[in-house]
Amino acid sequence: MNAVLIAVFVMILLSLLRVHVVVAMVTGAIVGGIVAGIPFTETLDVFASGLGSGARIALSYAMLGAFAVAISYTGIPNLLVKLALMIVGKEGDTLTRKLGKVLILIIILFVSISSQNLVPIHIAFIPILIPPLLKVFNALYIDRRAIATIMTFGLKAPYILLPFGFGFMFHEIIQNNMADSGMTIDMSMIPTALVIPVIGMVLGLGLAVFVTYRGKRIYENKPIGQEEKNELDLSYSVSSVIIGFVSIISVLILQYVIQDMIFSALIGIAILYIYFGLLHLKGKLQLSKSEELLTNGMKLMAYIGFVMIAAAGFAEVIRETGHIDSLVMTISTWLDGNKALAAAMMLLVGLLITMGIGSSFSTIPIIAVIFVPLAEAIGFSALATIALIGTAGALGDAGSPASDSTLGPTAGLNVDGQHHHIWDTCVPTFIHLNVPLLIFGWIAAMVL
């Protein structure tokens, strides 16, 4: 029995049964380690040794959560809600409200795409933009599963196709690992090879927004983040909104320049403290309230942090089993030169690995070392090989309970407790993004 298959299956099954994803990943890692013959105590040690690699990411998300809460004191969320309500029109103006709904969805899509390439801040925009708009979504009866699919598409498709920002990193990983495995390619070939799989994702997004989740879904207007009696006063002045935008722009610029979320968020919080605490003495962000602010902010993103830490431990156990290579090699013996079957099986292997690890970037080095010689032996072209490796790596990022491409949207959409991570984010994004990516990735491998 292959330990990788067993571990991933256990993790996914428990998650679908609504067991907390952290518990699911710990259990899956333990089962996978035992199946691989690693003693129980040693499996725990391996799991613990991998936790450290996720700690920095967890702290980054916690700081971003604190920054997002600090931004709420400026009144920008209240302003965004008022502007959004102006966009959707007055009650009874059906056409204007429908146009407003479309415009809001387009804005969210644009911001999500920009977070990967134009301003590479990844999911940092979600806790700032999404929670204040939840009441607008509720008023328009927008199905949050559509919003989750839009954001996950925006967090995935750009880095798969476009060689900028996170996309450059993804393409560079593909190029370097293929070269290390014996196939030298030019980076300009990668967008050509991956455009067909991304077209599949575009079609899946259209299906989710215009067919599957186009109907009305009713949500309650619940307080965000705290009890109604303790709800933040979101009144604002022109100066507070301006300083809020200054802090956001500062965080974006710093994130782009120094590539460090922790320091960038810290500077953003400091700018707000200086304004409210020193220059605006009666402001709401007083140093005496810093502990409450940071605690509330960290609660906003703590879920992501703990899952990412657990995912790092899970991935370490998966690697330690040594069964990833044996899984791929076993499949290769079944192929017997059949290109269509080979492409399908290689993509499924990538899906399983990425679903377990939760990171497309981490999957590429694992699969490239086997996929490159296997593709050459079967007769796939260089472009087809790129399509297989790129698609296999990207598969599973959407739909994985451990991926920040699903954790981020859930963190924003579930601040009022009405959006389930598995059934409202993972399952919808798996169906509408992974399935088309799998189909069109297979087509790309066959025609290129």
Protein backbone atom coordinates (compact mmCIF):
# COMPACT_ATOMS: atom_id res chain seq x y z
CA MET A 1 0.00 0.00 0.00
CA ASN A 2 1.30 3.44 -0.91
CA ALA A 3 1.64 5.69 2.13
CA VAL A 4 1.11 8.89 0.11
CA LEU A 5 -2.22 7.70 -1.26
CA ILE A 6 -3.38 6.55 2.16
CA ALA A 7 -2.33 9.76 3.94
CA VAL A 8 -3.98 12.05 1.39
CA PHE A 9 -7.12 9.90 1.28
CA VAL A 10 -7.47 9.98 5.07
CA MET A 11 -6.94 13.76 5.17
CA ILE A 12 -9.49 14.43 2.42
CA LEU A 13 -12.06 11.98 3.82
CA LEU A 14 -11.93 13.44 7.32
CA SER A 15 -12.17 16.97 5.93
CA LEU A 16 -15.26 16.07 3.91
CA LEU A 17 -16.77 14.59 7.07
CA ARG A 18 -16.37 18.07 8.62
CA VAL A 19 -13.52 17.07 10.92
CA HIS A 20 -11.37 20.17 11.47
CA VAL A 21 -8.76 20.32 8.72
CA VAL A 22 -5.86 20.57 11.19
CA VAL A 23 -7.00 17.38 12.93
CA ALA A 24 -7.51 15.77 9.51
CA MET A 25 -3.97 16.60 8.42
CA VAL A 26 -2.37 15.42 11.66
CA THR A 27 -4.31 12.15 11.47
CA GLY A 28 -3.48 11.68 7.78
CA ALA A 29 0.21 12.30 8.45
CA ILE A 30 0.28 9.76 11.30
CA VAL A 31 -1.52 7.12 9.24
CA GLY A 32 0.77 7.75 6.26
CA GLY A 33 3.88 7.46 8.41
CA ILE A 34 2.74 4.20 10.01
CA VAL A 35 1.79 2.71 6.61
CA ALA A 36 5.29 3.59 5.37
CA GLY A 37 6.80 1.68 8.30
CA ILE A 38 7.89 4.72 10.29
CA PRO A 39 7.38 4.16 14.04
CA PHE A 40 4.64 6.22 15.64
CA THR A 41 6.96 8.32 17.81
CA GLU A 42 9.30 8.93 14.88
CA THR A 43 6.34 10.00 12.72
CA LEU A 44 5.42 12.56 15.35
CA ASP A 45 9.03 13.78 15.42
CA VAL A 46 9.07 14.14 11.62
CA PHE A 47 5.76 15.99 11.73
CA ALA A 48 7.06 18.32 14.44
CA SER A 49 10.28 18.95 12.52
CA GLY A 50 8.27 20.23 9.57
CA LEU A 51 6.18 22.68 11.58
CA GLY A 52 8.87 25.35 11.68
CA SER A 53 8.74 25.94 7.93
CA GLY A 54 5.13 27.09 8.27
CA ALA A 55 5.69 29.36 11.27
CA ARG A 56 6.85 32.40 9.31
CA ILE A 57 3.84 32.15 7.00
CA ALA A 58 1.53 31.87 10.01
CA LEU A 59 3.04 34.96 11.63
CA SER A 60 2.75 36.85 8.35
CA TYR A 61 -0.96 36.10 8.15
CA ALA A 62 -1.44 37.06 11.82
CA MET A 63 0.20 40.45 11.22
CA LEU A 64 -1.92 41.00 8.12
CA GLY A 65 -5.00 40.22 10.19
CA ALA A 66 -3.97 42.80 12.78
CA PHE A 67 -3.39 45.34 10.01
CA ALA A 68 -6.81 44.59 8.53
CA VAL A 69 -8.50 45.26 11.88
CA ALA A 70 -6.47 48.45 12.28
CA ILE A 71 -7.68 49.59 8.85
CA SER A 72 -11.27 49.17 10.03
CA TYR A 73 -10.69 51.99 12.54
CA THR A 74 -10.01 54.41 9.69
CA GLY A 75 -13.56 54.01 8.36
CA ILE A 76 -12.41 52.74 4.95
CA PRO A 77 -14.60 49.61 5.26
CA ASN A 78 -17.63 51.81 5.97
CA LEU A 79 -16.77 53.96 2.96
CA LEU A 80 -16.40 50.88 0.76
CA VAL A 81 -19.80 49.60 1.85
CA LYS A 82 -21.44 52.96 1.11
CA LEU A 83 -19.81 53.13 -2.32
CA ALA A 84 -20.86 49.56 -3.05
CA LEU A 85 -24.44 50.35 -2.07
CA MET A 86 -24.35 53.34 -4.42
CA ILE A 87 -23.15 51.02 -7.18
CA VAL A 88 -25.94 48.50 -6.71
CA GLY A 89 -28.58 51.22 -6.73
CA LYS A 90 -31.66 51.91 -4.71
CA GLU A 91 -34.18 49.29 -3.73
CA GLY A 92 -36.47 48.44 -6.57
CA ASP A 93 -34.04 49.53 -9.26
CA THR A 94 -33.56 45.97 -10.50
CA LEU A 95 -31.45 46.74 -13.58
CA THR A 96 -29.04 48.97 -11.68
CA ARG A 97 -28.69 46.42 -8.90
CA LYS A 98 -27.94 43.66 -11.41
CA LEU A 99 -25.33 45.80 -13.12
CA GLY A 100 -23.91 46.68 -9.72
CA LYS A 101 -23.69 42.98 -8.83
CA VAL A 102 -21.77 42.27 -12.03
CA LEU A 103 -19.46 45.23 -11.39
CA ILE A 104 -18.69 44.06 -7.85
CA LEU A 105 -17.83 40.56 -9.11
CA ILE A 106 -15.57 42.04 -11.79
CA ILE A 107 -13.79 44.23 -9.22
CA ILE A 108 -13.16 41.24 -6.95
CA LEU A 109 -11.84 39.26 -9.92
CA PHE A 110 -9.54 42.10 -10.98
CA VAL A 111 -8.16 42.59 -7.48
CA SER A 112 -7.61 38.83 -7.07
CA ILE A 113 -5.72 38.60 -10.36
CA SER A 114 -3.67 41.71 -9.55
CA SER A 115 -2.59 40.16 -6.24
CA GLN A 116 -0.54 37.56 -8.13
CA ASN A 117 1.15 39.64 -10.81
CA LEU A 118 0.53 43.39 -10.82
CA VAL A 119 0.87 43.88 -7.06
CA PRO A 120 2.07 40.49 -5.77
CA ILE A 121 0.63 40.49 -2.25
CA HIS A 122 -1.22 37.18 -2.65
CA ILE A 123 -4.11 36.86 -0.16
CA ALA A 124 -3.24 39.99 1.84
CA PHE A 125 -6.09 41.92 0.18
CA ILE A 126 -8.81 39.53 1.34
CA PRO A 127 -9.18 40.49 5.03
CA ILE A 128 -9.21 44.16 4.02
CA LEU A 129 -11.65 44.05 1.10
CA ILE A 130 -14.05 41.16 1.67
CA PRO A 131 -15.42 41.42 5.28
CA PRO A 132 -16.78 44.98 4.82
CA LEU A 133 -18.61 43.87 1.67
CA LEU A 134 -20.39 40.89 3.20
CA LYS A 135 -23.52 42.90 4.00
CA VAL A 136 -23.56 44.10 0.39
CA PHE A 137 -23.32 40.48 -0.80
CA ASN A 138 -26.18 39.64 1.57
CA ALA A 139 -28.34 42.49 0.26
CA LEU A 140 -27.79 41.27 -3.31
CA TYR A 141 -28.32 37.60 -2.31
CA ILE A 142 -24.96 36.73 -3.86
CA ASP A 143 -23.92 33.11 -3.31
CA ARG A 144 -20.59 33.27 -1.51
CA ARG A 145 -19.51 30.08 -3.26
CA ALA A 146 -19.33 32.13 -6.45
CA ILE A 147 -17.14 34.72 -4.68
CA ALA A 148 -14.88 31.93 -3.37
CA THR A 149 -14.50 30.51 -6.88
CA ILE A 150 -13.72 33.96 -8.32
CA MET A 151 -11.03 34.64 -5.72
CA THR A 152 -9.45 31.20 -6.02
CA PHE A 153 -9.37 31.57 -9.79
CA GLY A 154 -7.66 34.95 -9.39
CA LEU A 155 -5.16 33.44 -6.95
CA LYS A 156 -4.27 30.55 -9.30
CA ALA A 157 -4.71 31.27 -13.00
CA PRO A 158 -2.39 34.33 -13.17
CA TYR A 159 0.66 32.57 -11.70
CA ILE A 160 0.06 29.55 -13.92
CA LEU A 161 -0.04 31.59 -17.13
CA LEU A 162 1.70 34.95 -16.66
CA PRO A 163 5.48 35.17 -15.96
CA PHE A 164 5.24 38.11 -13.57
CA GLY A 165 5.26 38.29 -9.77
CA PHE A 166 4.37 34.89 -8.35
CA GLY A 167 4.02 33.70 -11.93
CA PHE A 168 7.71 34.33 -12.56
CA MET A 169 8.56 32.23 -9.49
CA PHE A 170 6.31 29.38 -10.65
CA HIS A 171 7.72 29.41 -14.19
CA GLU A 172 11.29 29.59 -12.89
CA ILE A 173 10.68 26.55 -10.68
CA ILE A 174 9.34 24.63 -13.69
CA GLN A 175 12.29 25.63 -15.89
CA ASN A 176 14.98 24.88 -13.28
CA ASN A 177 13.56 21.53 -12.23
CA MET A 178 13.07 20.37 -15.80
CA ALA A 179 16.68 21.34 -16.53
CA ASP A 180 17.88 19.45 -13.47
CA SER A 181 15.98 16.42 -14.74
CA GLY A 182 17.59 16.55 -18.19
CA MET A 183 15.29 18.74 -20.31
CA THR A 184 16.39 22.31 -21.03
CA ILE A 185 13.61 24.69 -22.02
CA ASP A 186 13.19 28.42 -22.56
CA MET A 187 10.90 30.15 -20.05
CA SER A 188 8.99 31.77 -22.93
CA MET A 189 7.67 28.29 -23.81
CA ILE A 190 5.79 27.93 -20.52
CA PRO A 191 2.89 30.36 -21.18
CA THR A 192 2.40 28.74 -24.60
CA ALA A 193 2.17 25.30 -23.00
CA LEU A 194 -0.16 26.37 -20.18
CA VAL A 195 -2.61 28.61 -22.03
CA ILE A 196 -4.91 25.67 -22.87
CA PRO A 197 -5.23 24.51 -19.23
CA VAL A 198 -5.96 28.09 -18.14
CA ILE A 199 -8.69 28.35 -20.79
CA GLY A 200 -10.30 25.40 -19.03
CA MET A 201 -10.21 27.31 -15.76
CA VAL A 202 -11.83 30.33 -17.43
CA LEU A 203 -14.67 28.14 -18.65
CA GLY A 204 -15.05 26.61 -15.19
CA LEU A 205 -15.22 30.08 -13.64
CA GLY A 206 -17.91 31.09 -16.10
CA LEU A 207 -19.89 27.95 -15.25
CA ALA A 208 -19.70 28.71 -11.51
CA VAL A 209 -20.70 32.37 -11.78
CA PHE A 210 -23.32 32.23 -14.52
CA VAL A 211 -24.83 28.77 -14.01
CA THR A 212 -24.10 26.86 -10.79
CA TYR A 213 -24.20 29.77 -8.32
CA ARG A 214 -26.15 32.42 -10.19
CA GLY A 215 -29.24 31.92 -8.02
CA LYS A 216 -30.05 33.76 -4.81
CA ARG A 217 -28.69 32.54 -1.48
CA ILE A 218 -29.89 34.10 1.77
CA TYR A 219 -27.48 34.96 4.59
CA GLU A 220 -28.11 36.69 7.91
CA ASN A 221 -26.58 40.10 8.65
CA LYS A 222 -24.39 39.06 11.56
CA PRO A 223 -21.70 41.09 13.33
CA ILE A 224 -18.19 40.64 11.97
CA GLY A 225 -15.42 39.46 14.26
CA GLN A 226 -17.03 40.28 17.62
CA GLU A 227 -20.34 40.46 19.45
CA GLU A 228 -22.81 43.13 18.35
CA LYS A 229 -22.43 45.07 21.61
CA ASN A 230 -18.68 45.33 21.03
CA GLU A 231 -18.88 46.09 17.33
CA LEU A 232 -16.37 48.64 16.08
CA ASP A 233 -17.39 52.23 15.50
CA LEU A 234 -16.70 52.65 11.80
CA SER A 235 -17.35 56.35 11.50
CA TYR A 236 -14.70 58.14 9.50
CA SER A 237 -13.32 61.48 8.45
CA VAL A 238 -11.61 62.47 5.22
CA SER A 239 -8.23 62.58 6.98
CA SER A 240 -8.68 59.12 8.53
CA VAL A 241 -9.59 57.61 5.16
CA ILE A 242 -6.58 59.28 3.53
CA ILE A 243 -4.17 57.97 6.18
CA GLY A 244 -5.78 54.55 5.80
CA PHE A 245 -5.05 54.53 2.08
CA VAL A 246 -1.51 55.79 2.76
CA SER A 247 -0.90 52.84 5.10
CA ILE A 248 -2.32 50.37 2.54
CA ILE A 249 -0.19 51.76 -0.28
CA SER A 250 2.85 51.68 2.01
CA VAL A 251 2.24 48.02 2.81
CA LEU A 252 1.81 47.18 -0.89
CA ILE A 253 5.00 48.98 -1.88
CA LEU A 254 7.04 47.46 0.94
CA GLN A 255 5.68 44.01 0.17
CA TYR A 256 6.73 44.45 -3.45
CA VAL A 257 10.19 45.85 -2.62
CA ILE A 258 11.34 43.74 0.33
CA GLN A 259 9.07 40.67 -0.10
CA ASP A 260 8.34 40.49 3.63
CA MET A 261 4.74 40.44 4.85
CA ILE A 262 5.62 40.67 8.55
CA PHE A 263 7.63 43.89 8.33
CA SER A 264 5.28 45.41 5.74
CA ALA A 265 2.22 44.88 7.93
CA LEU A 266 4.11 46.17 10.96
CA ILE A 267 4.92 49.43 9.15
CA GLY A 268 1.27 49.78 8.08
CA ILE A 269 0.11 49.39 11.68
CA ALA A 270 2.78 51.85 12.85
CA ILE A 271 1.58 54.51 10.39
CA LEU A 272 -1.96 54.21 11.77
CA TYR A 273 -0.75 54.34 15.36
CA ILE A 274 1.30 57.46 14.67
CA TYR A 275 -1.70 59.20 13.13
CA PHE A 276 -4.34 58.17 15.64
CA GLY A 277 -2.18 57.81 18.72
CA LEU A 278 0.15 60.80 18.39
CA LEU A 279 -1.14 63.26 15.80
CA HIS A 280 -4.81 62.66 16.50
CA LEU A 281 -4.83 62.35 20.28
CA LYS A 282 -8.54 61.55 20.56
CA GLY A 283 -8.37 58.87 17.94
CA LYS A 284 -9.46 55.31 18.47
CA LEU A 285 -6.08 53.63 17.91
CA GLN A 286 -4.43 54.31 21.25
CA LEU A 287 -1.30 52.49 22.39
CA SER A 288 -3.20 51.23 25.42
CA LYS A 289 -5.52 49.34 23.09
CA SER A 290 -2.76 47.73 21.03
CA GLU A 291 -3.04 44.35 22.75
CA GLU A 292 -6.78 44.12 22.04
CA LEU A 293 -6.24 45.24 18.45
CA LEU A 294 -3.50 42.73 17.70
CA THR A 295 -5.40 39.90 19.40
CA ASN A 296 -8.59 40.58 17.41
CA GLY A 297 -6.60 40.86 14.20
CA MET A 298 -4.69 37.65 14.79
CA LYS A 299 -7.96 35.85 15.48
CA LEU A 300 -9.07 36.89 11.99
CA MET A 301 -6.19 35.01 10.34
CA ALA A 302 -5.31 32.47 13.04
CA TYR A 303 -7.18 29.71 11.23
CA ILE A 304 -5.00 30.10 8.16
CA GLY A 305 -1.87 30.21 10.28
CA PHE A 306 -2.58 26.98 12.14
CA VAL A 307 -3.57 25.14 8.96
CA MET A 308 -0.41 26.27 7.15
CA ILE A 309 1.73 25.12 10.09
CA ALA A 310 -0.02 21.74 10.13
CA ALA A 311 0.33 21.49 6.35
CA ALA A 312 4.08 21.94 6.66
CA GLY A 313 4.24 19.04 9.10
CA PHE A 314 2.03 16.89 6.86
CA ALA A 315 4.24 17.60 3.84
CA GLU A 316 7.37 16.66 5.81
CA VAL A 317 5.91 13.26 6.72
CA ILE A 318 4.82 12.69 3.11
CA ARG A 319 8.36 13.34 1.88
CA GLU A 320 9.90 11.20 4.62
CA THR A 321 7.85 8.13 3.65
CA GLY A 322 9.81 7.83 0.42
CA HIS A 323 6.64 6.63 -1.30
CA ILE A 324 6.20 9.56 -3.69
CA ASP A 325 8.78 8.19 -6.10
CA SER A 326 7.45 4.65 -5.77
CA LEU A 327 3.92 5.89 -6.50
CA VAL A 328 5.02 7.51 -9.74
CA MET A 329 7.25 4.57 -10.75
CA THR A 330 4.47 2.06 -10.11
CA ILE A 331 2.13 4.00 -12.36
CA SER A 332 4.77 4.16 -15.09
CA THR A 333 4.85 0.35 -15.33
CA TRP A 334 1.16 0.34 -16.19
CA LEU A 335 1.44 2.75 -19.09
CA ASP A 336 3.20 0.67 -21.75
CA GLY A 337 3.61 3.62 -24.15
CA ASN A 338 -0.03 4.73 -24.01
CA LYS A 339 0.15 8.55 -24.25
CA ALA A 340 -3.47 9.21 -23.38
CA LEU A 341 -3.36 7.00 -20.29
CA ALA A 342 0.09 8.32 -19.33
CA ALA A 343 -1.07 11.95 -19.44
CA ALA A 344 -4.16 11.16 -17.37
CA MET A 345 -2.23 9.24 -14.74
CA MET A 346 0.53 11.85 -14.45
CA LEU A 347 -2.05 14.58 -13.91
CA LEU A 348 -3.83 12.51 -11.27
CA VAL A 349 -0.55 11.95 -9.44
CA GLY A 350 0.04 15.70 -9.39
CA LEU A 351 -3.52 16.21 -8.13
CA LEU A 352 -3.03 13.80 -5.23
CA ILE A 353 0.31 15.26 -4.18
CA THR A 354 -0.81 18.90 -4.35
CA MET A 355 -4.06 18.12 -2.54
CA GLY A 356 -1.98 16.74 0.30
CA ILE A 357 0.78 19.35 0.41
CA GLY A 358 -1.46 22.29 -0.47
CA SER A 359 1.22 24.01 -2.56
CA SER A 360 1.70 23.97 -6.33
CA PHE A 361 5.17 25.44 -5.90
CA SER A 362 6.24 22.55 -3.63
CA THR A 363 4.79 19.89 -5.94
CA ILE A 364 6.85 20.78 -9.04
CA PRO A 365 10.25 19.60 -7.69
CA ILE A 366 8.68 16.34 -6.49
CA ILE A 367 7.11 15.36 -9.81
CA ALA A 368 9.60 16.83 -12.31
CA VAL A 369 12.35 14.34 -11.50
CA ILE A 370 10.11 11.44 -12.60
CA PHE A 371 7.84 13.13 -15.14
CA VAL A 372 10.63 14.44 -17.38
CA PRO A 373 12.29 11.07 -18.18
CA LEU A 374 8.89 9.37 -18.28
CA ALA A 375 7.51 11.91 -20.78
CA GLU A 376 10.61 11.63 -22.96
CA ALA A 377 10.41 7.83 -22.97
CA ILE A 378 6.75 7.86 -24.01
CA GLY A 379 7.35 10.47 -26.73
CA PHE A 380 5.81 13.68 -25.40
CA SER A 381 7.16 16.92 -26.88
CA ALA A 382 8.83 19.58 -24.72
CA LEU A 383 5.67 21.72 -24.79
CA ALA A 384 3.52 18.73 -23.83
CA THR A 385 5.91 17.91 -20.99
CA ILE A 386 5.69 21.49 -19.71
CA ALA A 387 1.90 21.29 -19.90
CA LEU A 388 1.90 18.06 -17.91
CA ILE A 389 4.28 19.28 -15.21
CA GLY A 390 2.73 22.75 -14.91
CA THR A 391 -0.83 21.43 -14.85
CA ALA A 392 -0.01 18.52 -12.52
CA GLY A 393 1.64 20.95 -10.13
CA ALA A 394 -1.23 23.43 -10.23
CA LEU A 395 -3.90 20.73 -9.87
CA GLY A 396 -5.16 20.43 -6.34
CA ASP A 397 -4.21 23.92 -5.22
CA ALA A 398 -7.86 24.83 -5.70
CA GLY A 399 -9.90 22.46 -3.60
CA SER A 400 -7.14 21.52 -1.17
CA PRO A 401 -8.14 22.19 2.46
CA ALA A 402 -4.51 23.11 3.17
CA SER A 403 -3.99 25.58 0.31
CA ASP A 404 -3.87 29.32 0.90
CA SER A 405 -5.81 29.66 -2.37
CA THR A 406 -8.80 28.23 -0.49
CA LEU A 407 -7.89 29.29 3.06
CA GLY A 408 -7.68 32.95 2.05
CA PRO A 409 -11.19 33.17 0.55
CA THR A 410 -12.63 31.28 3.51
CA ALA A 411 -10.97 33.65 5.99
CA GLY A 412 -12.64 36.61 4.30
CA LEU A 413 -16.05 35.07 3.65
CA ASN A 414 -16.47 33.33 7.00
CA VAL A 415 -15.83 36.21 9.40
CA ASP A 416 -19.53 36.09 10.31
CA GLY A 417 -19.57 32.29 10.58
CA GLN A 418 -21.74 31.56 7.51
CA HIS A 419 -19.22 30.10 5.06
CA HIS A 420 -17.89 26.55 5.51
CA HIS A 421 -14.30 25.99 4.42
CA ILE A 422 -14.83 22.54 2.90
CA TRP A 423 -18.32 22.68 1.42
CA ASP A 424 -18.45 26.36 0.46
CA THR A 425 -14.86 26.88 -0.73
CA CYS A 426 -12.96 23.62 -1.30
CA VAL A 427 -15.67 21.57 -3.01
CA PRO A 428 -16.92 24.37 -5.32
CA THR A 429 -13.39 25.36 -6.37
CA PHE A 430 -12.38 21.75 -6.89
CA ILE A 431 -15.34 21.10 -9.18
CA HIS A 432 -15.17 24.32 -11.18
CA LEU A 433 -11.40 24.85 -11.38
CA ASN A 434 -9.60 21.54 -10.82
CA VAL A 435 -11.84 19.44 -13.04
CA PRO A 436 -11.56 21.78 -16.09
CA LEU A 437 -7.81 22.15 -15.42
CA LEU A 438 -7.47 18.37 -15.43
CA ILE A 439 -9.44 17.98 -18.68
CA PHE A 440 -7.77 20.82 -20.55
CA GLY A 441 -4.33 19.89 -19.21
CA TRP A 442 -4.84 16.45 -20.71
CA ILE A 443 -5.93 18.01 -24.01
CA ALA A 444 -2.83 20.24 -24.02
CA ALA A 445 -0.57 17.22 -23.49
CA MET A 446 -2.21 15.40 -26.39
CA VAL A 447 -2.17 18.24 -28.95
CA LEU A 448 1.10 20.05 -28.24
